[in-house]
Amino acid sequence: MSLRYFPLDGADFRLTMGLQALRERSWIEPDHNYHKDISGKQRLLRIHREKVYANLPQTDAAEADILSLVQKELAQFHPTLIPPAVGQEEKNALVRAALMVQEDLVLMRDGGKGDYLLAAAAVFAPTGWDLAEKIGRPMRFIHAPVPELNARIGSPIDRFFRNLKPGKKVERFNWGLYDSDAPFQPAWWRKERTADPDISVENIGRKLFFRVERQTLQRLPGSSDILFTIRVFSNPLAHIAEDKHRAACLLRALETMERDMRRYKSIARYEKELRTYLGAPSA
């Protein structure tokens, strides 16, 4: 697929919330992979339902509200899109909503004292985390694996969730480099994958993938609950490197990123080959 998003501008790498207001743009983005991606979700539901869907008690009404939001957004912004029929055997509203869009859908709920918990989720494209471990957990637990995130921007994230205004929609982006373009990359699957010994400077452009998450947030109407969506876009590293400016921006981010973060983003295992491929000067 073409490169949809490249959230790097050549600045030094640093952890930021990076929120941007969504005004006239939709928080749903169907593309030419729509039917393929929905089929992938259906397959994961059949074989890994407990790994891609979970909820806490008393979330049925909020999940139904999310389904309604998805239906209204599709009708307003994507009226020609015809989602696949979902059988009557699928009773869960959040799952039904997730099978209409390529985005993953997460319900965040105030657990008291402004501490938001992951209350329900249909996540088919996790990037190195497991839903079963996150359900019912507060934000800081969910973010704990990300080096220094809680220490640096944990408090601003908490404030944002508490203060998000009804009707306001925002988006942000996250990215990493991975040796697979599979959407479904939970932590247990990633741990089983060792570094590919066949990856070299000559083939890293087609064997490594620049994975971007487009994330959106909005408060559910008449509620303190928040809908958090995640959409994954994956492109071969070669699509980045074919543009010298993009290659330089990525190299700058890698060179200014702390080692723990490079390890977290699966960069450290191929760092030498990456730097050479992207045009870093020889040591």
Protein backbone atom coordinates (compact mmCIF):
# COMPACT_ATOMS: atom_id res chain seq x y z
CA MET A 1 0.00 0.00 0.00
CA SER A 2 1.10 3.60 -0.46
CA LEU A 3 2.67 5.44 2.46
CA ARG A 4 -0.31 7.01 4.24
CA TYR A 5 1.42 8.55 7.24
CA PHE A 6 5.00 9.43 8.13
CA PRO A 7 4.93 11.07 11.57
CA LEU A 8 8.55 12.24 11.62
CA ASP A 9 9.79 15.73 10.81
CA GLY A 10 13.56 15.49 11.24
CA ALA A 11 13.60 16.64 14.87
CA ASP A 12 15.29 14.71 17.67
CA PHE A 13 13.20 11.85 19.00
CA ARG A 14 11.25 12.61 22.15
CA LEU A 15 8.15 11.31 23.87
CA THR A 16 5.17 13.60 23.32
CA MET A 17 1.43 13.24 23.28
CA GLY A 18 1.42 14.83 19.83
CA LEU A 19 -2.33 15.44 19.77
CA GLN A 20 -3.96 17.14 16.79
CA ALA A 21 -7.61 18.17 16.55
CA LEU A 22 -9.76 16.30 14.06
CA ARG A 23 -12.04 18.82 12.44
CA GLU A 24 -13.52 17.94 9.07
CA ARG A 25 -11.70 14.61 8.74
CA SER A 26 -13.20 11.30 9.72
CA TRP A 27 -11.77 9.13 12.49
CA ILE A 28 -12.53 6.12 10.26
CA GLU A 29 -10.27 5.56 7.24
CA PRO A 30 -11.30 2.74 4.91
CA ASP A 31 -8.94 1.95 2.05
CA HIS A 32 -8.33 -0.66 -0.66
CA ASN A 33 -7.42 -3.27 1.99
CA TYR A 34 -10.85 -2.95 3.63
CA HIS A 35 -12.27 -6.38 2.78
CA LYS A 36 -8.95 -8.13 3.39
CA ASP A 37 -8.63 -6.51 6.82
CA ILE A 38 -12.21 -7.30 7.83
CA SER A 39 -11.70 -10.91 6.73
CA GLY A 40 -8.59 -10.99 8.92
CA LYS A 41 -10.62 -9.78 11.89
CA GLN A 42 -13.23 -12.44 11.28
CA ARG A 43 -10.56 -15.14 11.17
CA LEU A 44 -9.01 -13.94 14.45
CA LEU A 45 -12.42 -13.98 16.11
CA ARG A 46 -12.84 -17.61 15.12
CA ILE A 47 -9.47 -18.78 16.41
CA HIS A 48 -8.46 -16.22 19.06
CA ARG A 49 -11.67 -14.56 20.27
CA GLU A 50 -10.49 -14.36 23.89
CA LYS A 51 -7.29 -12.64 22.72
CA VAL A 52 -8.98 -9.97 20.58
CA TYR A 53 -12.13 -9.14 22.56
CA ALA A 54 -12.63 -8.56 26.28
CA ASN A 55 -14.87 -6.45 28.48
CA LEU A 56 -15.70 -5.67 32.08
CA PRO A 57 -19.21 -5.96 33.54
CA GLN A 58 -21.67 -3.16 32.86
CA THR A 59 -20.17 -2.00 29.57
CA ASP A 60 -22.99 -3.20 27.27
CA ALA A 61 -24.63 0.23 26.97
CA ALA A 62 -21.33 1.98 26.16
CA GLU A 63 -20.45 -0.70 23.62
CA ALA A 64 -23.83 -0.16 21.96
CA ASP A 65 -23.09 3.60 21.90
CA ILE A 66 -19.82 2.87 20.07
CA LEU A 67 -21.68 0.78 17.50
CA SER A 68 -24.05 3.70 16.96
CA LEU A 69 -21.12 6.12 16.59
CA VAL A 70 -19.49 3.88 13.98
CA GLN A 71 -22.73 3.59 12.01
CA LYS A 72 -23.26 7.38 12.05
CA GLU A 73 -19.65 8.09 11.04
CA LEU A 74 -19.86 5.67 8.13
CA ALA A 75 -23.15 7.16 6.98
CA GLN A 76 -21.76 10.71 7.11
CA PHE A 77 -18.26 10.27 5.72
CA HIS A 78 -18.29 6.94 3.86
CA PRO A 79 -21.85 6.44 2.58
CA THR A 80 -20.84 4.15 -0.31
CA LEU A 81 -19.01 1.68 1.95
CA ILE A 82 -20.98 -1.51 2.47
CA PRO A 83 -19.70 -3.45 5.49
CA PRO A 84 -19.88 -7.24 5.34
CA ALA A 85 -22.98 -8.77 6.87
CA VAL A 86 -22.49 -9.91 10.44
CA GLY A 87 -24.42 -13.02 11.43
CA GLN A 88 -27.11 -12.79 14.07
CA GLU A 89 -25.02 -15.12 16.23
CA GLU A 90 -22.72 -12.18 16.96
CA LYS A 91 -24.53 -10.48 19.81
CA ASN A 92 -21.77 -8.19 21.04
CA ALA A 93 -22.15 -4.58 19.90
CA LEU A 94 -18.44 -3.69 20.11
CA VAL A 95 -17.45 -6.70 18.03
CA ARG A 96 -20.13 -5.87 15.48
CA ALA A 97 -18.76 -2.32 15.29
CA ALA A 98 -15.18 -3.56 14.90
CA LEU A 99 -16.24 -5.76 11.97
CA MET A 100 -17.48 -2.68 10.11
CA VAL A 101 -14.18 -0.75 10.19
CA GLN A 102 -10.46 -1.41 9.89
CA GLU A 103 -9.85 0.40 13.18
CA ASP A 104 -9.58 -1.37 16.52
CA LEU A 105 -11.97 -0.03 19.16
CA VAL A 106 -11.22 0.50 22.85
CA LEU A 107 -13.52 1.77 25.60
CA MET A 108 -11.79 3.68 28.39
CA ARG A 109 -13.77 4.29 31.60
CA ASP A 110 -13.16 6.50 34.62
CA GLY A 111 -12.42 4.09 37.44
CA GLY A 112 -12.56 6.80 40.10
CA LYS A 113 -10.32 9.75 40.89
CA GLY A 114 -9.89 10.36 37.16
CA ASP A 115 -7.97 7.12 36.70
CA TYR A 116 -9.11 5.69 33.38
CA LEU A 117 -9.31 1.91 32.93
CA LEU A 118 -9.47 -0.23 29.81
CA ALA A 119 -13.08 -1.36 30.17
CA ALA A 120 -13.76 -3.08 26.83
CA ALA A 121 -11.82 -3.62 23.63
CA ALA A 122 -11.87 -5.27 20.23
CA VAL A 123 -8.19 -5.20 19.26
CA PHE A 124 -7.08 -7.20 16.23
CA ALA A 125 -3.77 -5.44 15.52
CA PRO A 126 -1.91 -5.20 18.85
CA THR A 127 1.69 -4.06 18.64
CA GLY A 128 3.51 -6.03 21.31
CA TRP A 129 0.85 -6.18 24.02
CA ASP A 130 -1.82 -8.62 25.19
CA LEU A 131 -5.42 -7.63 25.76
CA ALA A 132 -5.94 -10.19 28.54
CA GLU A 133 -3.22 -8.46 30.56
CA LYS A 134 -4.58 -4.96 29.96
CA ILE A 135 -8.34 -5.35 30.47
CA GLY A 136 -9.46 -3.62 33.65
CA ARG A 137 -6.07 -2.00 34.16
CA PRO A 138 -5.39 1.74 34.56
CA MET A 139 -3.58 3.84 32.00
CA ARG A 140 -0.23 3.82 33.76
CA PHE A 141 -0.20 0.02 33.91
CA ILE A 142 -1.03 -0.15 30.21
CA HIS A 143 1.82 2.24 29.40
CA ALA A 144 4.34 0.67 31.80
CA PRO A 145 6.27 -1.27 29.10
CA VAL A 146 7.06 1.95 27.19
CA PRO A 147 10.39 3.22 28.54
CA GLU A 148 10.07 6.49 30.50
CA LEU A 149 6.57 7.21 29.19
CA ASN A 150 4.85 7.35 32.57
CA ALA A 151 7.65 9.43 34.08
CA ARG A 152 7.70 11.96 31.25
CA ILE A 153 4.12 12.31 30.03
CA GLY A 154 2.02 10.12 32.33
CA SER A 155 0.50 13.09 34.18
CA PRO A 156 -0.39 15.06 31.01
CA ILE A 157 -2.07 11.95 29.61
CA ASP A 158 -4.15 11.57 32.77
CA ARG A 159 -5.16 15.24 32.64
CA PHE A 160 -6.11 14.97 28.99
CA PHE A 161 -8.44 12.05 29.64
CA ARG A 162 -10.10 13.86 32.54
CA ASN A 163 -10.54 17.11 30.59
CA LEU A 164 -11.42 15.92 27.07
CA LYS A 165 -14.43 18.00 26.02
CA PRO A 166 -17.58 16.39 24.59
CA GLY A 167 -17.63 16.70 20.81
CA LYS A 168 -13.86 17.16 20.50
CA LYS A 169 -11.98 14.54 18.51
CA VAL A 170 -8.19 14.25 18.38
CA GLU A 171 -5.63 12.05 16.69
CA ARG A 172 -2.02 11.12 17.36
CA PHE A 173 0.55 8.78 15.81
CA ASN A 174 2.91 6.10 17.05
CA TRP A 175 5.48 4.21 15.00
CA GLY A 176 8.08 1.44 15.06
CA LEU A 177 10.13 -0.84 12.81
CA TYR A 178 9.31 -4.56 12.76
CA ASP A 179 10.40 -7.61 10.81
CA SER A 180 6.82 -8.59 9.98
CA ASP A 181 3.90 -6.75 8.43
CA ALA A 182 1.33 -8.97 10.18
CA PRO A 183 -1.33 -6.78 11.82
CA PHE A 184 -1.71 -9.19 14.78
CA GLN A 185 1.53 -8.90 16.75
CA PRO A 186 0.69 -9.55 20.43
CA ALA A 187 3.48 -9.75 22.99
CA TRP A 188 3.46 -13.55 23.16
CA TRP A 189 3.79 -13.80 19.36
CA ARG A 190 6.62 -11.25 19.29
CA LYS A 191 8.53 -13.02 22.08
CA GLU A 192 8.57 -16.19 20.01
CA ARG A 193 10.28 -14.37 17.12
CA THR A 194 14.04 -14.17 17.27
CA ALA A 195 16.05 -11.78 15.14
CA ASP A 196 16.05 -12.88 11.51
CA PRO A 197 19.68 -13.86 10.73
CA ASP A 198 19.02 -13.47 7.02
CA ILE A 199 18.30 -9.74 7.22
CA SER A 200 21.16 -7.77 5.70
CA VAL A 201 21.83 -4.30 4.35
CA GLU A 202 20.95 -5.64 0.91
CA ASN A 203 17.48 -6.90 1.81
CA ILE A 204 16.46 -4.91 4.89
CA GLY A 205 14.41 -2.53 2.76
CA ARG A 206 11.92 -5.24 1.91
CA LYS A 207 12.20 -7.32 5.11
CA LEU A 208 11.68 -4.55 7.68
CA PHE A 209 8.40 -2.66 7.96
CA PHE A 210 7.60 0.86 9.12
CA ARG A 211 4.48 0.38 11.25
CA VAL A 212 2.38 3.43 12.08
CA GLU A 213 -0.57 3.54 14.45
CA ARG A 214 -3.10 6.28 13.87
CA GLN A 215 -4.89 6.71 17.18
CA THR A 216 -8.01 8.80 17.78
CA LEU A 217 -9.86 9.75 20.97
CA GLN A 218 -13.30 11.16 21.65
CA ARG A 219 -15.72 11.19 24.56
CA LEU A 220 -18.93 9.19 24.16
CA PRO A 221 -22.03 11.41 24.03
CA GLY A 222 -23.50 12.10 27.46
CA SER A 223 -20.85 10.05 29.21
CA SER A 224 -17.45 10.20 30.87
CA ASP A 225 -16.39 7.17 28.79
CA ILE A 226 -13.83 7.65 26.01
CA LEU A 227 -13.54 5.83 22.69
CA PHE A 228 -9.94 5.18 21.71
CA THR A 229 -9.32 3.84 18.20
CA ILE A 230 -6.18 2.34 16.67
CA ARG A 231 -5.52 1.87 12.98
CA VAL A 232 -2.30 0.23 11.79
CA PHE A 233 -0.55 1.11 8.52
CA SER A 234 2.49 -0.95 7.54
CA ASN A 235 4.95 -0.25 4.72
CA PRO A 236 8.27 -1.81 3.70
CA LEU A 237 11.24 0.22 4.88
CA ALA A 238 12.12 0.68 1.20
CA HIS A 239 9.08 2.97 0.83
CA ILE A 240 10.65 5.26 3.41
CA ALA A 241 14.18 5.12 2.07
CA GLU A 242 13.22 5.91 -1.52
CA ASP A 243 12.76 9.50 -0.37
CA LYS A 244 16.02 11.03 0.93
CA HIS A 245 14.24 13.46 3.25
CA ARG A 246 12.20 10.69 4.89
CA ALA A 247 15.30 8.51 5.22
CA ALA A 248 17.15 11.37 6.92
CA CYS A 249 14.23 12.01 9.30
CA LEU A 250 14.08 8.34 10.31
CA LEU A 251 17.84 8.15 10.77
CA ARG A 252 17.75 11.27 12.98
CA ALA A 253 15.04 9.71 15.13
CA LEU A 254 17.05 6.50 15.52
CA GLU A 255 20.27 8.34 16.39
CA THR A 256 18.60 10.49 19.07
CA MET A 257 16.50 7.72 20.62
CA GLU A 258 17.57 6.17 23.91
CA ARG A 259 18.63 2.55 23.74
CA ASP A 260 15.70 1.25 25.82
CA MET A 261 13.30 2.87 23.39
CA ARG A 262 15.16 1.44 20.39
CA ARG A 263 14.81 -1.97 21.99
CA TYR A 264 11.12 -1.42 22.71
CA LYS A 265 10.46 -0.42 19.09
CA SER A 266 12.33 -3.54 17.85
CA ILE A 267 15.03 -1.38 16.30
CA ALA A 268 18.08 -2.46 18.30
CA ARG A 269 18.26 -5.96 16.83
CA TYR A 270 18.86 -4.58 13.31
CA GLU A 271 20.44 -1.27 14.23
CA LYS A 272 23.73 -1.66 12.37
CA GLU A 273 22.04 -2.68 9.13
CA LEU A 274 19.45 0.07 9.54
CA ARG A 275 21.98 2.83 9.96
CA THR A 276 23.94 1.72 6.93
CA TYR A 277 20.83 1.34 4.81
CA LEU A 278 19.55 4.79 5.74
CA GLY A 279 22.87 6.42 4.87
CA ALA A 280 24.60 6.94 8.20
CA PRO A 281 28.30 7.80 7.78
CA SER A 282 30.74 4.98 8.53
CA ALA A 283 32.20 4.99 12.02
